[in-house]
């Protein structure tokens, strides 16, 4: 049996490193290969490493001319690796950039041939059978120009099957974070649907459009919120054919990009067949020979990757390496070592959630039944089923464990010392999802989402070299804080939302920069449009709040909400509870490019009381629905407010756990 040697590193991505290697056999046999090794920071997570190997075992069975074949797999120093065929070429992203700079973009026949090859690769991965004779139904999940290779010999290869799923093998503790590459997401994924074969067909349609038009279909720069809004509002019937493309391609493109998965091609093979038909009808001859000539013109003088295979370092596989004798048994970390209540002293979380009024007894029974049937944690189910906000559940969890709870706002104010950051780099913070925020009397306070994980706490203690006490926080707030601490300027990284390969990415369908919206509204809308709407004297008994705009008499029907920009909200969509006003919160961009608002109840000022100086930040107050004069104002039911509230907005939930006050003197 031969062994592998590593020659040199070729590239580094968001989750793996790629090396040029060679398989060495008897009699001087050498075969060039590519070796992809998972980054050690990701391999430290057992779930991600296991998912990486599980997907790789399926991909070993994919042997197709348009698929980068996986030849072998294993682990070295605990990090999984794949041995793949070496594709001596470039990815489509680089090819598009070089062709654009040279003024020679890809032509429609070349584009149609390349996309047809990708569709044929997806069709094969879906229908090929495994060792048990059953179809594997492998879903790629990440079809984009970076994962499509064209060799210098003109071969089209689709790479990284299953890697997107393996990159997210860890189960998220918050269900409101959407993971994927920005601009390459099928609309159904925004609503939480799992990736399926139809999702790959949609992404192949996105690839087809980008290659024809020379630009991404959903392109808004780094504005993740607007990009996600464009995907959510996507309508294939509004899609126009890029200039220069054959007209018979339009129905094919619209069918592949259908918003409804049921309206797309039932199988990628049908998609590829329609594309091949266009090439045949127009008698366009495109194949390996033509693509090889194009690659030679775009990359003249390019040296072959396997030109020099001399030397190299042996790849030590854990299977063949002699294992050292097992170390003496060590005492497992105890909860008391970290200030966490022992399991025997903790109350049941479900009973505490009911006692706090977050869920009902019937909902608790539902959660317990789901937990028995499908596993998981009770708190995660409560958030996933939207029975309670994540923040409130974490506050109750903090009380159960006897540890502090820190809000997102206070977490963003954290400034760890230079010594702590030196011992706890960004790679470790992202892998463990933990961040040291303060130090007192030789004890480090570390913000994390799973403070009951004693093994993780023990690793953090080893890294910092001091006692550790966990602080409960939300995953969203923690990722923002990590971006701010390690990224430099907070204004630049506070809402940084790029693709999944960026370690500072914050992809979420529920993330809105309310501060930026408020600043933009104050600077543009309020100043530019308010003078066009002269205020009218309020009618007797009408309550006017600061910032509320009253339209001229007769301008709009009575009781119709009006935004600062003069746009009339839909009437009758939401009714304010007694004693409450309706405030409209901007939550995204509609298909017409205008903001989308959601109505949220806010308390109505009591007549005769001092007028408040500010309203809820980012919200625009409007007039309440008319109420009988004799009816006293009563607070809205707590459950009604929670049912309509976003999980990232706090409407006054009481803090059930201790909140940490950061010591400014220690920053």
Foldseek 3Di string as FASTA:
>chain_A
DWFKFFDAWDDDFLFWTKTWMWTADPPRDIDIWIKIWTDPLQLVDVLLQVLVVVQLVLQCPQDDQAAFHFPDWFDFPSIIMTITHDFFFAFQVVVLVLCVVVVHADAQVVLLVLLLSVLVSLQCQQAPADPVRHRPQFDQQADDRRQWTAGLLGGIYGYRGSNQVSSPSDDDLFPQFQAFFQLLFQLVVQVPDDDGSLSVLQSSLQRSQCSQQVHGPQDDDQPRQFSNQCNNQDALVPDDRHPNHDPVCSVLSSQSNHNDSVSHPPGSNVSSVVSVVVCVVVVPDDGSVVSSVVRCVSDPPDDTPVPDNPDGHTRDGPVPDDDDPDDPDDDADALVLQQWDHPVPFDDLLVLCCVLVLAHPVVSVVLVVCCVVPNDDSLSVCNVVLSGFNLQSLLSVCVRGVAAAAELVVLLVFAADPLQCVLQPLSNCLSLVKAFRFDDPQETEIEHACQVPRVSLVVSCVSRVTRYHYYHYHSLSSLLNSCPRPVPPSVVLNQRAGHNSDSSHGGGLFDDPLVVVLVCCVVPQQVPALVVFDADDDDPPFDDAPQEGHGDPPPDDPPFWAFSNRDTDDPPPDAAAFQWFWWWAFGGAHPVRHTDTDTATDGDDDPPDDHDPDDPRRIHTTGHDDDDPPDDGDDDDPSVRSSRDDSSDDPDSDRNGHYDDHDPVRD
